[in-house]
Each structure stands twice: as C-alpha cells, then as structure tokens.
C-alpha cells in the first residue's frame, strides 16, 4: 500500500505561558492535498488545525491525523513518524515559524547611530506572564531549523519530496528564481511557490516548480495535480 505524509497548518511559538506568536495560515491547502491523496493509499496528516483532526477522526477513513502546536512539537512528531513508517511521498505544506522567542525585554532607551544602526538599553522582563504596564517591550527571536531540510539529511527520506514556499511583494520571475534555489537547497523534487498576493482573489494559485519546469496552477487545481504526481511516482517505482 502506498503511504503519504502531509504536514499542514501553522506553528505557534510561546512568548510566555499565556501568549504566543505564529502566522495566518490555517492548513486548508494541506488538508485538501491529504484528501486528494486518500484514494491512492494511506495518508498521515500532521496538522495544527484541530477541526481537521476532528473531521478525520470522525470519518475513520484512509487519513490518520496527529496534532502539533510548536516548531519543537512538529520536529519531534516528524522524526518519530519517519522512523516508524516508510513513506512514498511527503508534502511539507506546514507554515513553520522561522523564529522562536528567546527573551522578553522592556526597552528603556533607543539611540539611533550615524551609520543607521541603533543602540538599545533594555531590561529583562521575562515572566510567566509579561506585565502590561511597560511602555515598550521587545521579544528576542532565535532562528529555528528548516525542518524541510532534515528529510534528506537527518531522516534519510528518499521518496518524493514536495516543498512549499511563500514570499511577499516580488514578481513572478523573481519568485520562480528564488523557488528553484530553495528547492535545490532542500533536495526537494518539486516546490510549490506563491506570494501572499497570489493567494487572494478569483485567480489565486501557485507555481509548481521542478527540475527545469514551471507550471502555473489555480488554487482549485493544486491538490489534484499533486495527487497525480504522487500516483505517477508510485507507479514508476512498481
């Protein structure tokens, strides 16, 4: 039986015990891909969208769901899942945080320097709940690992790998150029690339980029096209 792994949704990174930061993405794209793959075999959906997990649990079909919240949660879940199950294809649609909080500070003073940099005088105010009486606060962010880069390295995955990338405020040619560089850097077979502007309106869609290929797909075409890629991959390998 063919097996597919799909990640979906966003990660939320705690800044104290009651607050977090994240992004605007809901996991709908990943969920639609998982549903398109279901007729082809067993699908493992790792998502932060609780309503999708509940729907999968009610249906008890070909899709198995597991949840995550943070970058660290997803990293562990991916490692455990890939060590226990062999997959034919992975679709890494999850919108993973690029930074995780690494401290909270009251900004007491900011000084602009002649070279354009700034000097800040800050006070560490990290707490279970950062107080609301500070006039200005800043949260320090530490860059996270690129989880998609671990499939070919740490986890030794050799199946079909599809990466997703979103940019803001660039044109299509620049998006494709950046996307192809990103695809190669991760060892991905394909990359789905769009800008935030391309996610809106009746003509919303994305580019499917392969080795020397560029294909524009409308949003409603994407899941079906990726399912066909997966089917072709499985059939080509017997």
C-alpha atoms as a PDB file:
ATOM      1  CA  UNK A   1       0.000   0.000   0.000  1.00  0.00           C
ATOM      2  CA  UNK A   2       1.239   3.490  -0.858  1.00  0.00           C
ATOM      3  CA  UNK A   3       1.786   5.811   2.095  1.00  0.00           C
ATOM      4  CA  UNK A   4       1.888   9.592   2.082  1.00  0.00           C
ATOM      5  CA  UNK A   5       2.840  12.162   4.716  1.00  0.00           C
ATOM      6  CA  UNK A   6       1.297  15.646   4.674  1.00  0.00           C
ATOM      7  CA  UNK A   7       2.050  18.460   7.119  1.00  0.00           C
ATOM      8  CA  UNK A   8      -0.406  21.341   7.393  1.00  0.00           C
ATOM      9  CA  UNK A   9      -1.251  24.399   9.442  1.00  0.00           C
ATOM     10  CA  UNK A  10       0.936  26.854  11.312  1.00  0.00           C
ATOM     11  CA  UNK A  11       3.203  26.588  14.324  1.00  0.00           C
ATOM     12  CA  UNK A  12       2.635  28.723  17.425  1.00  0.00           C
ATOM     13  CA  UNK A  13       5.683  29.711  19.481  1.00  0.00           C
ATOM     14  CA  UNK A  14       5.194  30.611  23.179  1.00  0.00           C
ATOM     15  CA  UNK A  15       6.476  34.029  24.306  1.00  0.00           C
ATOM     16  CA  UNK A  16       5.298  33.406  27.871  1.00  0.00           C
ATOM     17  CA  UNK A  17       2.884  30.981  29.494  1.00  0.00           C
ATOM     18  CA  UNK A  18      -0.239  32.737  28.142  1.00  0.00           C
ATOM     19  CA  UNK A  19       0.865  34.299  24.815  1.00  0.00           C
ATOM     20  CA  UNK A  20       2.411  33.110  21.592  1.00  0.00           C
ATOM     21  CA  UNK A  21       3.290  34.193  18.077  1.00  0.00           C
ATOM     22  CA  UNK A  22       2.525  32.494  14.799  1.00  0.00           C
ATOM     23  CA  UNK A  23       1.217  33.213  11.304  1.00  0.00           C
ATOM     24  CA  UNK A  24      -2.053  33.494   9.439  1.00  0.00           C
ATOM     25  CA  UNK A  25      -2.183  30.092   7.703  1.00  0.00           C
ATOM     26  CA  UNK A  26      -4.888  27.564   8.554  1.00  0.00           C
ATOM     27  CA  UNK A  27      -3.818  24.275   6.967  1.00  0.00           C
ATOM     28  CA  UNK A  28      -6.598  24.213   4.368  1.00  0.00           C
ATOM     29  CA  UNK A  29      -4.174  23.606   1.496  1.00  0.00           C
ATOM     30  CA  UNK A  30      -2.530  20.669   3.236  1.00  0.00           C
ATOM     31  CA  UNK A  31      -5.891  19.222   4.184  1.00  0.00           C
ATOM     32  CA  UNK A  32      -7.127  19.394   0.584  1.00  0.00           C
ATOM     33  CA  UNK A  33      -3.952  17.615  -0.553  1.00  0.00           C
ATOM     34  CA  UNK A  34      -4.438  14.896   2.070  1.00  0.00           C
ATOM     35  CA  UNK A  35      -8.000  14.318   0.876  1.00  0.00           C
ATOM     36  CA  UNK A  36      -6.876  14.151  -2.764  1.00  0.00           C
ATOM     37  CA  UNK A  37      -4.256  11.546  -1.818  1.00  0.00           C
ATOM     38  CA  UNK A  38      -6.640   9.373   0.217  1.00  0.00           C
ATOM     39  CA  UNK A  39      -7.933   7.313  -2.778  1.00  0.00           C
ATOM     40  CA  UNK A  40      -4.320   6.367  -3.563  1.00  0.00           C
ATOM     41  CA  UNK A  41      -3.353   4.895  -0.199  1.00  0.00           C
ATOM     42  CA  UNK A  42      -2.778   5.652   3.470  1.00  0.00           C
ATOM     43  CA  UNK A  43      -2.277   9.303   4.411  1.00  0.00           C
ATOM     44  CA  UNK A  44      -0.684  10.565   7.619  1.00  0.00           C
ATOM     45  CA  UNK A  45      -1.797  14.162   8.208  1.00  0.00           C
ATOM     46  CA  UNK A  46       0.204  16.138  10.762  1.00  0.00           C
ATOM     47  CA  UNK A  47      -1.649  19.385  11.386  1.00  0.00           C
ATOM     48  CA  UNK A  48      -2.209  22.150  13.904  1.00  0.00           C
ATOM     49  CA  UNK A  49      -5.800  22.629  12.709  1.00  0.00           C
ATOM     50  CA  UNK A  50      -7.985  20.957  15.344  1.00  0.00           C
ATOM     51  CA  UNK A  51     -11.145  20.996  13.242  1.00  0.00           C
ATOM     52  CA  UNK A  52      -9.372  18.997  10.521  1.00  0.00           C
ATOM     53  CA  UNK A  53      -8.173  16.466  13.106  1.00  0.00           C
ATOM     54  CA  UNK A  54     -11.703  16.097  14.446  1.00  0.00           C
ATOM     55  CA  UNK A  55     -13.123  15.584  10.957  1.00  0.00           C
ATOM     56  CA  UNK A  56     -10.515  12.927  10.131  1.00  0.00           C
ATOM     57  CA  UNK A  57     -11.237  11.122  13.410  1.00  0.00           C
ATOM     58  CA  UNK A  58     -14.988  11.076  12.703  1.00  0.00           C
ATOM     59  CA  UNK A  59     -14.549   9.695   9.188  1.00  0.00           C
ATOM     60  CA  UNK A  60     -12.126   6.904  10.155  1.00  0.00           C
ATOM     61  CA  UNK A  61     -11.000   6.610   6.549  1.00  0.00           C
ATOM     62  CA  UNK A  62      -7.629   6.471   4.824  1.00  0.00           C
ATOM     63  CA  UNK A  63      -6.383   9.633   6.573  1.00  0.00           C
ATOM     64  CA  UNK A  64      -4.768   9.328  10.005  1.00  0.00           C
ATOM     65  CA  UNK A  65      -4.333  12.580  11.905  1.00  0.00           C
ATOM     66  CA  UNK A  66      -1.845  13.782  14.521  1.00  0.00           C
ATOM     67  CA  UNK A  67      -1.592  17.263  16.017  1.00  0.00           C
ATOM     68  CA  UNK A  68       1.189  19.682  16.849  1.00  0.00           C
ATOM     69  CA  UNK A  69       1.475  23.228  18.165  1.00  0.00           C
ATOM     70  CA  UNK A  70       5.069  24.467  18.109  1.00  0.00           C
ATOM     71  CA  UNK A  71       8.134  24.048  15.902  1.00  0.00           C
ATOM     72  CA  UNK A  72       9.597  21.704  18.528  1.00  0.00           C
ATOM     73  CA  UNK A  73       6.390  19.630  18.557  1.00  0.00           C
ATOM     74  CA  UNK A  74       6.433  19.232  14.796  1.00  0.00           C
ATOM     75  CA  UNK A  75      10.138  18.377  14.688  1.00  0.00           C
ATOM     76  CA  UNK A  76       9.668  15.554  17.182  1.00  0.00           C
ATOM     77  CA  UNK A  77       6.474  14.323  15.515  1.00  0.00           C
ATOM     78  CA  UNK A  78       8.158  14.209  12.108  1.00  0.00           C
ATOM     79  CA  UNK A  79      11.182  12.365  13.446  1.00  0.00           C
ATOM     80  CA  UNK A  80       9.072   9.786  15.288  1.00  0.00           C
ATOM     81  CA  UNK A  81       6.742   9.289  12.310  1.00  0.00           C
ATOM     82  CA  UNK A  82       9.511   8.886   9.745  1.00  0.00           C
ATOM     83  CA  UNK A  83      11.378   6.415  11.941  1.00  0.00           C
ATOM     84  CA  UNK A  84       8.292   4.241  12.376  1.00  0.00           C
ATOM     85  CA  UNK A  85       6.762   4.366   8.872  1.00  0.00           C
ATOM     86  CA  UNK A  86       8.126   4.255   5.313  1.00  0.00           C
ATOM     87  CA  UNK A  87       6.502   6.834   3.051  1.00  0.00           C
ATOM     88  CA  UNK A  88       6.389   7.095  -0.720  1.00  0.00           C
ATOM     89  CA  UNK A  89       5.908  10.881  -0.731  1.00  0.00           C
ATOM     90  CA  UNK A  90       6.000  13.831   1.642  1.00  0.00           C
ATOM     91  CA  UNK A  91       4.144  17.124   1.142  1.00  0.00           C
ATOM     92  CA  UNK A  92       5.568  19.722   3.540  1.00  0.00           C
ATOM     93  CA  UNK A  93       2.859  22.396   3.444  1.00  0.00           C
ATOM     94  CA  UNK A  94       3.040  23.440   7.122  1.00  0.00           C
ATOM     95  CA  UNK A  95       3.806  27.131   7.699  1.00  0.00           C
ATOM     96  CA  UNK A  96       6.638  26.663  10.201  1.00  0.00           C
ATOM     97  CA  UNK A  97       7.890  29.589  12.284  1.00  0.00           C
ATOM     98  CA  UNK A  98      11.261  30.955  11.165  1.00  0.00           C
ATOM     99  CA  UNK A  99      11.947  32.263  14.671  1.00  0.00           C
ATOM    100  CA  UNK A 100      11.150  31.160  18.207  1.00  0.00           C
ATOM    101  CA  UNK A 101      11.070  33.555  21.198  1.00  0.00           C
ATOM    102  CA  UNK A 102      14.300  33.744  23.198  1.00  0.00           C
ATOM    103  CA  UNK A 103      13.619  36.510  25.738  1.00  0.00           C
ATOM    104  CA  UNK A 104      11.379  39.433  26.674  1.00  0.00           C
ATOM    105  CA  UNK A 105      12.748  42.913  27.352  1.00  0.00           C
ATOM    106  CA  UNK A 106      11.499  46.338  28.368  1.00  0.00           C
ATOM    107  CA  UNK A 107      13.033  48.928  26.041  1.00  0.00           C
ATOM    108  CA  UNK A 108      14.194  51.774  28.281  1.00  0.00           C
ATOM    109  CA  UNK A 109      16.026  53.765  25.612  1.00  0.00           C
ATOM    110  CA  UNK A 110      16.720  53.676  21.860  1.00  0.00           C
ATOM    111  CA  UNK A 111      19.521  55.690  20.278  1.00  0.00           C
ATOM    112  CA  UNK A 112      19.938  55.997  16.513  1.00  0.00           C
ATOM    113  CA  UNK A 113      23.573  55.928  15.415  1.00  0.00           C
ATOM    114  CA  UNK A 114      25.043  57.834  12.424  1.00  0.00           C
ATOM    115  CA  UNK A 115      25.612  54.585  10.499  1.00  0.00           C
ATOM    116  CA  UNK A 116      21.897  53.710  10.618  1.00  0.00           C
ATOM    117  CA  UNK A 117      22.153  51.147  13.411  1.00  0.00           C
ATOM    118  CA  UNK A 118      20.508  51.598  16.795  1.00  0.00           C
ATOM    119  CA  UNK A 119      21.724  51.116  20.354  1.00  0.00           C
ATOM    120  CA  UNK A 120      19.072  49.888  22.768  1.00  0.00           C
ATOM    121  CA  UNK A 121      19.147  49.890  26.550  1.00  0.00           C
ATOM    122  CA  UNK A 122      16.867  47.118  27.741  1.00  0.00           C
ATOM    123  CA  UNK A 123      15.816  45.320  30.896  1.00  0.00           C
ATOM    124  CA  UNK A 124      14.993  41.599  31.014  1.00  0.00           C
ATOM    125  CA  UNK A 125      11.303  41.263  31.937  1.00  0.00           C
ATOM    126  CA  UNK A 126      10.718  37.578  31.088  1.00  0.00           C
ATOM    127  CA  UNK A 127       7.990  36.075  33.260  1.00  0.00           C
ATOM    128  CA  UNK A 128       5.187  33.562  33.218  1.00  0.00           C
ATOM    129  CA  UNK A 129       3.057  36.495  32.004  1.00  0.00           C
ATOM    130  CA  UNK A 130       4.955  39.585  30.859  1.00  0.00           C
ATOM    131  CA  UNK A 131       3.381  42.560  32.626  1.00  0.00           C
ATOM    132  CA  UNK A 132       1.242  45.006  30.665  1.00  0.00           C
ATOM    133  CA  UNK A 133       2.483  48.239  32.297  1.00  0.00           C
ATOM    134  CA  UNK A 134       5.680  48.630  30.230  1.00  0.00           C
ATOM    135  CA  UNK A 135       5.507  51.413  27.656  1.00  0.00           C
ATOM    136  CA  UNK A 136       7.589  49.425  25.117  1.00  0.00           C
ATOM    137  CA  UNK A 137       8.629  45.798  25.090  1.00  0.00           C
ATOM    138  CA  UNK A 138      10.644  43.724  22.644  1.00  0.00           C
ATOM    139  CA  UNK A 139      10.801  39.971  22.189  1.00  0.00           C
ATOM    140  CA  UNK A 140      14.043  38.433  21.019  1.00  0.00           C
ATOM    141  CA  UNK A 141      13.686  35.824  18.292  1.00  0.00           C
ATOM    142  CA  UNK A 142      16.104  32.959  17.666  1.00  0.00           C
ATOM    143  CA  UNK A 143      16.149  31.393  14.189  1.00  0.00           C
ATOM    144  CA  UNK A 144      14.696  27.894  14.014  1.00  0.00           C
ATOM    145  CA  UNK A 145      15.848  24.906  11.986  1.00  0.00           C
ATOM    146  CA  UNK A 146      14.419  24.485   8.485  1.00  0.00           C
ATOM    147  CA  UNK A 147      12.561  21.246   9.068  1.00  0.00           C
ATOM    148  CA  UNK A 148      12.137  20.544   5.362  1.00  0.00           C
ATOM    149  CA  UNK A 149      15.939  20.368   5.073  1.00  0.00           C
ATOM    150  CA  UNK A 150      16.050  17.440   7.512  1.00  0.00           C
ATOM    151  CA  UNK A 151      14.148  14.984   5.311  1.00  0.00           C
ATOM    152  CA  UNK A 152      17.112  14.217   3.039  1.00  0.00           C
ATOM    153  CA  UNK A 153      19.742  14.507   5.782  1.00  0.00           C
ATOM    154  CA  UNK A 154      18.824  13.561   9.349  1.00  0.00           C
ATOM    155  CA  UNK A 155      15.773  11.463   8.451  1.00  0.00           C
ATOM    156  CA  UNK A 156      17.197   9.843   5.302  1.00  0.00           C
ATOM    157  CA  UNK A 157      13.956  10.140   3.295  1.00  0.00           C
ATOM    158  CA  UNK A 158      14.411   9.118  -0.360  1.00  0.00           C
ATOM    159  CA  UNK A 159      10.856   9.317  -1.693  1.00  0.00           C
ATOM    160  CA  UNK A 160       9.068  12.144  -3.482  1.00  0.00           C
ATOM    161  CA  UNK A 161       9.546  15.392  -1.531  1.00  0.00           C
ATOM    162  CA  UNK A 162       7.382  18.439  -2.258  1.00  0.00           C
ATOM    163  CA  UNK A 163       8.283  21.692  -0.514  1.00  0.00           C
ATOM    164  CA  UNK A 164       6.141  24.825  -0.199  1.00  0.00           C
ATOM    165  CA  UNK A 165       7.392  28.415  -0.183  1.00  0.00           C
ATOM    166  CA  UNK A 166       5.636  31.754   0.220  1.00  0.00           C
ATOM    167  CA  UNK A 167       7.123  35.192  -0.483  1.00  0.00           C
ATOM    168  CA  UNK A 168       5.723  38.725  -0.276  1.00  0.00           C
ATOM    169  CA  UNK A 169       5.926  41.636  -2.709  1.00  0.00           C
ATOM    170  CA  UNK A 170       8.021  40.150  -5.527  1.00  0.00           C
ATOM    171  CA  UNK A 171       7.142  39.424  -9.151  1.00  0.00           C
ATOM    172  CA  UNK A 172       6.623  36.007 -10.704  1.00  0.00           C
ATOM    173  CA  UNK A 173      10.062  35.687 -12.294  1.00  0.00           C
ATOM    174  CA  UNK A 174      11.834  36.512  -9.037  1.00  0.00           C
ATOM    175  CA  UNK A 175       9.560  34.092  -7.181  1.00  0.00           C
ATOM    176  CA  UNK A 176      10.469  31.306  -9.588  1.00  0.00           C
ATOM    177  CA  UNK A 177      14.181  32.100  -9.326  1.00  0.00           C
ATOM    178  CA  UNK A 178      14.088  32.067  -5.514  1.00  0.00           C
ATOM    179  CA  UNK A 179      11.908  28.971  -5.531  1.00  0.00           C
ATOM    180  CA  UNK A 180      14.251  26.932  -7.695  1.00  0.00           C
ATOM    181  CA  UNK A 181      17.203  27.822  -5.469  1.00  0.00           C
ATOM    182  CA  UNK A 182      15.166  26.857  -2.387  1.00  0.00           C
ATOM    183  CA  UNK A 183      14.008  23.582  -3.954  1.00  0.00           C
ATOM    184  CA  UNK A 184      17.563  22.543  -4.765  1.00  0.00           C
ATOM    185  CA  UNK A 185      18.856  23.549  -1.325  1.00  0.00           C
ATOM    186  CA  UNK A 186      16.395  21.192   0.375  1.00  0.00           C
ATOM    187  CA  UNK A 187      16.806  18.349  -2.098  1.00  0.00           C
ATOM    188  CA  UNK A 188      13.103  18.589  -2.961  1.00  0.00           C
ATOM    189  CA  UNK A 189      11.786  17.118  -6.195  1.00  0.00           C
ATOM    190  CA  UNK A 190       9.160  19.836  -6.524  1.00  0.00           C
ATOM    191  CA  UNK A 191       8.364  23.131  -4.864  1.00  0.00           C
ATOM    192  CA  UNK A 192       5.022  24.929  -4.742  1.00  0.00           C
ATOM    193  CA  UNK A 193       5.723  28.667  -4.738  1.00  0.00           C
ATOM    194  CA  UNK A 194       3.474  31.679  -4.457  1.00  0.00           C
ATOM    195  CA  UNK A 195       3.355  35.144  -2.990  1.00  0.00           C
ATOM    196  CA  UNK A 196       0.865  36.393  -0.448  1.00  0.00           C
ATOM    197  CA  UNK A 197      -0.714  38.391  -3.253  1.00  0.00           C
ATOM    198  CA  UNK A 198      -1.195  35.200  -5.289  1.00  0.00           C
ATOM    199  CA  UNK A 199      -3.267  33.610  -2.504  1.00  0.00           C
ATOM    200  CA  UNK A 200      -6.127  36.112  -2.927  1.00  0.00           C
ATOM    201  CA  UNK A 201      -8.954  36.591  -5.403  1.00  0.00           C
ATOM    202  CA  UNK A 202     -10.566  34.509  -8.123  1.00  0.00           C
ATOM    203  CA  UNK A 203      -7.273  33.834  -9.889  1.00  0.00           C
ATOM    204  CA  UNK A 204      -5.424  32.642  -6.771  1.00  0.00           C
ATOM    205  CA  UNK A 205      -2.851  29.961  -7.411  1.00  0.00           C
ATOM    206  CA  UNK A 206       0.782  28.916  -7.281  1.00  0.00           C
ATOM    207  CA  UNK A 207       3.710  27.757  -9.396  1.00  0.00           C
ATOM    208  CA  UNK A 208       4.707  24.098  -9.328  1.00  0.00           C
ATOM    209  CA  UNK A 209       8.465  24.054  -9.888  1.00  0.00           C
ATOM    210  CA  UNK A 210      10.518  21.005 -10.777  1.00  0.00           C
ATOM    211  CA  UNK A 211      13.958  20.477 -12.231  1.00  0.00           C
ATOM    212  CA  UNK A 212      13.797  22.949 -15.101  1.00  0.00           C
ATOM    213  CA  UNK A 213       9.980  23.065 -15.091  1.00  0.00           C
ATOM    214  CA  UNK A 214       7.475  25.784 -14.227  1.00  0.00           C
ATOM    215  CA  UNK A 215       3.725  25.192 -14.166  1.00  0.00           C
ATOM    216  CA  UNK A 216       1.025  27.627 -13.032  1.00  0.00           C
ATOM    217  CA  UNK A 217      -1.898  26.054 -11.169  1.00  0.00           C
ATOM    218  CA  UNK A 218      -5.065  27.646  -9.911  1.00  0.00           C
ATOM    219  CA  UNK A 219      -5.819  27.015  -6.248  1.00  0.00           C
ATOM    220  CA  UNK A 220      -8.587  24.522  -7.085  1.00  0.00           C
ATOM    221  CA  UNK A 221      -6.209  22.568  -9.355  1.00  0.00           C
ATOM    222  CA  UNK A 222      -3.315  22.191  -6.927  1.00  0.00           C
ATOM    223  CA  UNK A 223      -4.388  19.220  -4.800  1.00  0.00           C
ATOM    224  CA  UNK A 224      -5.406  17.139  -7.802  1.00  0.00           C
ATOM    225  CA  UNK A 225      -2.176  17.900  -9.645  1.00  0.00           C
ATOM    226  CA  UNK A 226      -0.068  16.871  -6.652  1.00  0.00           C
ATOM    227  CA  UNK A 227      -2.081  13.675  -6.261  1.00  0.00           C
ATOM    228  CA  UNK A 228      -1.304  12.840  -9.899  1.00  0.00           C
ATOM    229  CA  UNK A 229       2.396  13.440  -9.222  1.00  0.00           C
ATOM    230  CA  UNK A 230       2.222  11.063  -6.282  1.00  0.00           C
ATOM    231  CA  UNK A 231       0.416   8.395  -8.310  1.00  0.00           C
ATOM    232  CA  UNK A 232       2.954   8.661 -11.143  1.00  0.00           C
ATOM    233  CA  UNK A 233       5.823   8.418  -8.649  1.00  0.00           C
ATOM    234  CA  UNK A 234       4.417   5.276  -7.043  1.00  0.00           C
ATOM    235  CA  UNK A 235       3.607   3.642 -10.385  1.00  0.00           C
ATOM    236  CA  UNK A 236       7.081   4.366 -11.764  1.00  0.00           C
ATOM    237  CA  UNK A 237       8.621   2.505  -8.823  1.00  0.00           C
ATOM    238  CA  UNK A 238       6.413  -0.537  -9.154  1.00  0.00           C
END
